[in-house]
N, C-alpha and C. Protein backbone atom coordinates (compact mmCIF):
# COMPACT_ATOMS: atom_id res chain seq x y z
N MET A 1 -39.66 -24.72 24.42
CA MET A 1 -38.70 -25.50 23.67
C MET A 1 -39.02 -25.58 22.18
N PRO A 2 -40.27 -25.80 21.78
CA PRO A 2 -40.57 -25.83 20.35
C PRO A 2 -40.28 -24.50 19.67
N LYS A 3 -40.45 -23.39 20.41
CA LYS A 3 -40.18 -22.08 19.83
C LYS A 3 -38.69 -21.94 19.49
N GLN A 4 -37.83 -22.41 20.40
CA GLN A 4 -36.39 -22.35 20.13
C GLN A 4 -36.04 -23.23 18.94
N ARG A 5 -36.65 -24.38 18.87
CA ARG A 5 -36.38 -25.29 17.75
C ARG A 5 -36.79 -24.65 16.43
N ALA A 6 -37.92 -23.96 16.43
CA ALA A 6 -38.38 -23.29 15.22
C ALA A 6 -37.42 -22.16 14.84
N GLN A 7 -36.89 -21.44 15.83
CA GLN A 7 -35.95 -20.37 15.54
C GLN A 7 -34.65 -20.92 14.97
N ILE A 8 -34.17 -22.02 15.53
CA ILE A 8 -32.95 -22.64 15.02
C ILE A 8 -33.16 -23.12 13.59
N THR A 9 -34.27 -23.75 13.31
CA THR A 9 -34.55 -24.25 11.97
C THR A 9 -34.66 -23.09 10.98
N ALA A 10 -35.33 -22.01 11.38
CA ALA A 10 -35.44 -20.85 10.49
C ALA A 10 -34.07 -20.22 10.27
N ARG A 11 -33.24 -20.19 11.32
CA ARG A 11 -31.90 -19.63 11.19
C ARG A 11 -31.04 -20.47 10.26
N GLN A 12 -31.13 -21.79 10.35
CA GLN A 12 -30.38 -22.66 9.47
C GLN A 12 -30.82 -22.48 8.02
N ALA A 13 -32.10 -22.32 7.81
CA ALA A 13 -32.61 -22.09 6.46
C ALA A 13 -32.12 -20.75 5.93
N GLU A 14 -32.05 -19.75 6.80
CA GLU A 14 -31.57 -18.43 6.39
C GLU A 14 -30.11 -18.48 5.99
N ILE A 15 -29.29 -19.17 6.79
CA ILE A 15 -27.86 -19.25 6.50
C ILE A 15 -27.59 -20.06 5.23
N SER A 16 -28.37 -21.12 4.99
CA SER A 16 -28.09 -21.96 3.83
C SER A 16 -28.74 -21.42 2.56
N ASP A 17 -29.46 -20.31 2.62
CA ASP A 17 -30.08 -19.73 1.43
C ASP A 17 -28.99 -19.12 0.56
N PRO A 18 -28.84 -19.54 -0.71
CA PRO A 18 -27.76 -19.03 -1.55
C PRO A 18 -27.91 -17.53 -1.86
N HIS A 19 -29.13 -16.99 -1.78
CA HIS A 19 -29.31 -15.58 -2.08
C HIS A 19 -28.92 -14.70 -0.90
N LEU A 20 -28.76 -15.26 0.28
CA LEU A 20 -28.36 -14.46 1.44
C LEU A 20 -26.87 -14.49 1.67
N THR A 21 -26.20 -15.58 1.38
CA THR A 21 -24.79 -15.70 1.70
C THR A 21 -23.88 -15.74 0.49
N GLY A 22 -24.40 -15.97 -0.69
CA GLY A 22 -23.55 -16.08 -1.87
C GLY A 22 -23.01 -17.48 -2.05
N THR A 23 -23.44 -18.42 -1.27
CA THR A 23 -23.00 -19.80 -1.41
C THR A 23 -24.18 -20.73 -1.30
N ALA A 24 -24.12 -21.85 -1.99
CA ALA A 24 -25.23 -22.79 -1.97
C ALA A 24 -25.03 -23.89 -0.95
N THR A 25 -23.91 -23.93 -0.29
CA THR A 25 -23.65 -25.02 0.64
C THR A 25 -23.81 -24.55 2.07
N PRO A 26 -24.61 -25.24 2.85
CA PRO A 26 -24.76 -24.86 4.25
C PRO A 26 -23.52 -25.22 5.07
N ILE A 27 -22.63 -26.04 4.51
CA ILE A 27 -21.41 -26.43 5.23
C ILE A 27 -20.54 -25.20 5.48
N VAL A 28 -20.40 -24.35 4.47
CA VAL A 28 -19.59 -23.14 4.62
C VAL A 28 -20.17 -22.24 5.70
N ALA A 29 -21.48 -22.09 5.69
CA ALA A 29 -22.12 -21.26 6.70
C ALA A 29 -21.99 -21.88 8.09
N ALA A 30 -22.00 -23.21 8.16
CA ALA A 30 -21.86 -23.86 9.46
C ALA A 30 -20.44 -23.69 10.01
N VAL A 31 -19.45 -23.70 9.11
CA VAL A 31 -18.07 -23.56 9.55
C VAL A 31 -17.78 -22.12 9.96
N PHE A 32 -18.17 -21.16 9.12
CA PHE A 32 -17.84 -19.77 9.37
C PHE A 32 -18.89 -19.03 10.18
N GLY A 33 -20.12 -19.50 10.17
CA GLY A 33 -21.18 -18.90 10.97
C GLY A 33 -21.57 -17.52 10.49
N ASP A 34 -21.90 -16.65 11.46
CA ASP A 34 -22.38 -15.31 11.14
C ASP A 34 -21.32 -14.46 10.47
N SER A 35 -20.05 -14.68 10.77
CA SER A 35 -19.01 -13.83 10.19
C SER A 35 -18.98 -13.97 8.68
N PHE A 36 -19.26 -15.17 8.17
CA PHE A 36 -19.29 -15.36 6.72
C PHE A 36 -20.42 -14.55 6.10
N LYS A 37 -21.56 -14.60 6.73
CA LYS A 37 -22.73 -13.91 6.19
C LYS A 37 -22.56 -12.40 6.28
N LEU A 38 -22.00 -11.90 7.36
CA LEU A 38 -21.87 -10.47 7.54
C LEU A 38 -20.71 -9.88 6.75
N ASN A 39 -19.59 -10.57 6.65
CA ASN A 39 -18.41 -10.02 6.00
C ASN A 39 -18.40 -10.19 4.49
N CYS A 40 -19.22 -11.07 3.96
CA CYS A 40 -19.19 -11.35 2.54
C CYS A 40 -20.34 -10.71 1.79
N TYR A 41 -21.18 -9.98 2.42
CA TYR A 41 -22.31 -9.38 1.76
C TYR A 41 -21.86 -8.17 0.95
N ALA A 42 -22.20 -8.14 -0.32
CA ALA A 42 -21.81 -7.03 -1.17
C ALA A 42 -23.00 -6.39 -1.86
N GLY A 43 -24.21 -6.79 -1.53
CA GLY A 43 -25.38 -6.21 -2.16
C GLY A 43 -25.88 -7.06 -3.31
N PRO A 44 -27.02 -6.71 -3.87
CA PRO A 44 -27.59 -7.51 -4.94
C PRO A 44 -26.79 -7.37 -6.23
N SER A 45 -26.80 -8.41 -7.02
CA SER A 45 -26.14 -8.37 -8.32
C SER A 45 -27.17 -8.66 -9.40
N THR A 46 -26.77 -8.59 -10.65
CA THR A 46 -27.71 -8.77 -11.75
C THR A 46 -28.11 -10.23 -11.91
N SER A 47 -27.29 -11.16 -11.47
CA SER A 47 -27.61 -12.58 -11.62
C SER A 47 -28.48 -13.11 -10.50
N GLY A 48 -28.82 -12.30 -9.53
CA GLY A 48 -29.65 -12.75 -8.43
C GLY A 48 -28.84 -13.26 -7.25
N ARG A 49 -27.55 -13.47 -7.43
CA ARG A 49 -26.68 -13.89 -6.33
C ARG A 49 -25.87 -12.70 -5.87
N LYS A 50 -25.38 -12.77 -4.68
CA LYS A 50 -24.59 -11.67 -4.14
C LYS A 50 -23.11 -11.99 -4.27
N ALA A 51 -22.35 -11.02 -4.70
CA ALA A 51 -20.92 -11.21 -4.88
C ALA A 51 -20.21 -11.13 -3.54
N MET A 52 -19.10 -11.85 -3.43
CA MET A 52 -18.30 -11.80 -2.21
C MET A 52 -17.16 -10.81 -2.41
N THR A 53 -16.96 -9.95 -1.48
CA THR A 53 -15.82 -9.05 -1.52
C THR A 53 -15.01 -9.23 -0.25
N TRP A 54 -13.72 -9.21 -0.39
CA TRP A 54 -12.84 -9.40 0.77
C TRP A 54 -12.06 -8.13 1.07
N ARG A 55 -12.36 -7.04 0.42
CA ARG A 55 -11.63 -5.80 0.70
C ARG A 55 -12.19 -5.14 1.95
N ARG A 56 -11.34 -4.39 2.58
CA ARG A 56 -11.76 -3.65 3.77
C ARG A 56 -11.72 -2.18 3.44
N GLN A 57 -12.62 -1.46 4.01
CA GLN A 57 -12.65 -0.01 3.85
C GLN A 57 -11.94 0.60 5.06
N GLY A 58 -11.10 1.56 4.82
CA GLY A 58 -10.45 2.23 5.93
C GLY A 58 -8.94 2.21 5.82
N PRO A 59 -8.26 2.76 6.80
CA PRO A 59 -6.81 2.84 6.73
C PRO A 59 -6.14 1.49 6.94
N MET A 60 -4.90 1.41 6.50
CA MET A 60 -4.11 0.19 6.65
C MET A 60 -3.68 0.04 8.11
N ASP A 61 -3.73 -1.18 8.63
CA ASP A 61 -3.29 -1.38 10.01
C ASP A 61 -1.76 -1.43 10.06
N MET A 62 -1.22 -1.33 11.26
CA MET A 62 0.23 -1.23 11.43
C MET A 62 0.95 -2.51 11.02
N ASN A 63 0.37 -3.67 11.29
CA ASN A 63 1.02 -4.93 10.92
C ASN A 63 1.20 -5.04 9.41
N THR A 64 0.19 -4.67 8.65
CA THR A 64 0.29 -4.72 7.20
C THR A 64 1.34 -3.75 6.69
N ALA A 65 1.39 -2.56 7.23
CA ALA A 65 2.37 -1.55 6.82
C ALA A 65 3.79 -2.03 7.11
N VAL A 66 4.00 -2.64 8.26
CA VAL A 66 5.34 -3.14 8.61
C VAL A 66 5.75 -4.28 7.69
N VAL A 67 4.84 -5.19 7.38
CA VAL A 67 5.15 -6.31 6.48
C VAL A 67 5.50 -5.80 5.08
N ILE A 68 4.75 -4.84 4.58
CA ILE A 68 5.03 -4.29 3.26
C ILE A 68 6.38 -3.57 3.26
N LEU A 69 6.66 -2.81 4.29
CA LEU A 69 7.93 -2.10 4.39
C LEU A 69 9.11 -3.06 4.48
N LEU A 70 9.01 -4.07 5.30
CA LEU A 70 10.11 -5.04 5.44
C LEU A 70 10.32 -5.86 4.17
N THR A 71 9.23 -6.21 3.49
CA THR A 71 9.36 -6.95 2.23
C THR A 71 10.07 -6.09 1.18
N GLY A 72 9.67 -4.84 1.08
CA GLY A 72 10.33 -3.93 0.14
C GLY A 72 11.79 -3.72 0.48
N LEU A 73 12.10 -3.60 1.75
CA LEU A 73 13.49 -3.43 2.18
C LEU A 73 14.32 -4.67 1.87
N PHE A 74 13.75 -5.85 2.09
CA PHE A 74 14.43 -7.11 1.79
C PHE A 74 14.74 -7.21 0.30
N ILE A 75 13.76 -6.91 -0.53
CA ILE A 75 13.94 -7.02 -1.98
C ILE A 75 14.96 -6.01 -2.48
N TYR A 76 14.86 -4.78 -2.02
CA TYR A 76 15.81 -3.75 -2.43
C TYR A 76 17.23 -4.10 -1.97
N SER A 77 17.37 -4.60 -0.76
CA SER A 77 18.70 -4.96 -0.24
C SER A 77 19.32 -6.09 -1.06
N ALA A 78 18.50 -7.08 -1.42
CA ALA A 78 19.02 -8.19 -2.23
C ALA A 78 19.46 -7.69 -3.60
N TRP A 79 18.68 -6.81 -4.22
CA TRP A 79 19.03 -6.27 -5.52
C TRP A 79 20.31 -5.45 -5.44
N LEU A 80 20.42 -4.60 -4.41
CA LEU A 80 21.61 -3.78 -4.25
C LEU A 80 22.85 -4.64 -3.97
N THR A 81 22.69 -5.70 -3.21
CA THR A 81 23.79 -6.62 -2.96
C THR A 81 24.30 -7.22 -4.26
N SER A 82 23.39 -7.59 -5.14
CA SER A 82 23.77 -8.15 -6.43
C SER A 82 24.54 -7.14 -7.26
N ILE A 83 24.06 -5.90 -7.29
CA ILE A 83 24.72 -4.86 -8.08
C ILE A 83 26.13 -4.60 -7.55
N VAL A 84 26.27 -4.46 -6.25
CA VAL A 84 27.59 -4.19 -5.65
C VAL A 84 28.52 -5.39 -5.84
N PHE A 85 28.01 -6.60 -5.65
CA PHE A 85 28.84 -7.81 -5.81
C PHE A 85 29.34 -7.93 -7.25
N CYS A 86 28.46 -7.70 -8.22
CA CYS A 86 28.86 -7.81 -9.62
C CYS A 86 29.86 -6.71 -10.00
N SER A 87 29.68 -5.53 -9.45
CA SER A 87 30.62 -4.44 -9.73
C SER A 87 31.99 -4.74 -9.13
N ALA A 88 32.02 -5.25 -7.91
CA ALA A 88 33.29 -5.52 -7.23
C ALA A 88 34.04 -6.69 -7.83
N HIS A 89 33.32 -7.67 -8.39
CA HIS A 89 33.96 -8.87 -8.93
C HIS A 89 34.04 -8.86 -10.46
N ASP A 90 33.79 -7.71 -11.06
CA ASP A 90 33.92 -7.51 -12.50
C ASP A 90 33.13 -8.54 -13.31
N GLU A 91 31.88 -8.71 -12.96
CA GLU A 91 30.99 -9.62 -13.69
C GLU A 91 29.98 -8.77 -14.47
N ARG A 92 30.43 -8.25 -15.60
CA ARG A 92 29.60 -7.30 -16.34
C ARG A 92 28.32 -7.91 -16.93
N PRO A 93 28.35 -9.10 -17.51
CA PRO A 93 27.08 -9.62 -18.04
C PRO A 93 26.00 -9.79 -16.95
N LEU A 94 26.41 -10.30 -15.80
CA LEU A 94 25.45 -10.46 -14.72
C LEU A 94 25.04 -9.11 -14.14
N LEU A 95 25.95 -8.15 -14.13
CA LEU A 95 25.61 -6.80 -13.68
C LEU A 95 24.55 -6.17 -14.58
N ILE A 96 24.72 -6.33 -15.88
CA ILE A 96 23.74 -5.80 -16.83
C ILE A 96 22.40 -6.51 -16.66
N ALA A 97 22.44 -7.83 -16.51
CA ALA A 97 21.19 -8.59 -16.34
C ALA A 97 20.49 -8.21 -15.03
N ALA A 98 21.27 -8.05 -13.97
CA ALA A 98 20.68 -7.71 -12.67
C ALA A 98 20.12 -6.29 -12.67
N ALA A 99 20.77 -5.40 -13.38
CA ALA A 99 20.28 -4.02 -13.43
C ALA A 99 19.07 -3.89 -14.35
N ALA A 100 19.05 -4.65 -15.43
CA ALA A 100 17.96 -4.56 -16.41
C ALA A 100 16.73 -5.34 -15.96
N PHE A 101 16.95 -6.49 -15.38
CA PHE A 101 15.84 -7.36 -14.96
C PHE A 101 15.90 -7.49 -13.44
N PHE A 102 15.04 -6.74 -12.78
CA PHE A 102 15.05 -6.65 -11.32
C PHE A 102 14.99 -8.01 -10.62
N PRO A 103 14.13 -8.96 -11.03
CA PRO A 103 14.08 -10.25 -10.33
C PRO A 103 15.39 -11.04 -10.40
N VAL A 104 16.14 -10.88 -11.48
CA VAL A 104 17.43 -11.56 -11.59
C VAL A 104 18.36 -11.06 -10.50
N GLY A 105 18.38 -9.76 -10.30
CA GLY A 105 19.23 -9.18 -9.27
C GLY A 105 18.81 -9.60 -7.87
N VAL A 106 17.50 -9.70 -7.64
CA VAL A 106 17.02 -10.11 -6.31
C VAL A 106 17.42 -11.55 -6.02
N VAL A 107 17.21 -12.44 -6.97
CA VAL A 107 17.59 -13.85 -6.77
C VAL A 107 19.10 -13.97 -6.59
N HIS A 108 19.88 -13.25 -7.39
CA HIS A 108 21.33 -13.32 -7.25
C HIS A 108 21.78 -12.73 -5.92
N GLY A 109 21.15 -11.65 -5.48
CA GLY A 109 21.52 -11.05 -4.20
C GLY A 109 21.25 -11.98 -3.03
N VAL A 110 20.11 -12.66 -3.04
CA VAL A 110 19.82 -13.63 -1.98
C VAL A 110 20.81 -14.79 -2.05
N GLY A 111 21.17 -15.19 -3.26
CA GLY A 111 22.18 -16.24 -3.42
C GLY A 111 23.53 -15.83 -2.86
N VAL A 112 23.90 -14.59 -3.04
CA VAL A 112 25.16 -14.09 -2.47
C VAL A 112 25.10 -14.12 -0.95
N TRP A 113 23.96 -13.74 -0.38
CA TRP A 113 23.80 -13.77 1.08
C TRP A 113 24.04 -15.15 1.65
N PHE A 114 23.48 -16.15 1.00
CA PHE A 114 23.55 -17.51 1.53
C PHE A 114 24.71 -18.32 0.97
N GLY A 115 25.62 -17.70 0.24
CA GLY A 115 26.83 -18.36 -0.22
C GLY A 115 26.64 -19.20 -1.47
N GLY A 116 25.58 -18.98 -2.21
CA GLY A 116 25.36 -19.74 -3.44
C GLY A 116 26.23 -19.27 -4.59
N TRP A 117 26.63 -17.98 -4.55
CA TRP A 117 27.46 -17.43 -5.61
C TRP A 117 28.67 -16.78 -5.04
């Protein structure tokens, strides 16, 4: 039993060491556990602390690709709706603004979808 207690105490000291995890608070290590220590290690830095990186190496997963594709499709559809609506209703100033400034067209297109304009 004392051996286990010594291992737990040494492990807690290891997790709360700011040079091992990049954080000075043992609370973060207690909440996230080993995943924080393993996923945030980026190697030594010049200041003596280790930087945290959240990037992943490797190909994009399917969920991320689908979200990016659907977001792009949503934005393009809203912009195109604004352009077509302005052309059909002879609203030239808004057509020029929507064509020149992409976010204006997206907001106007979503407004047209929901009956705001």
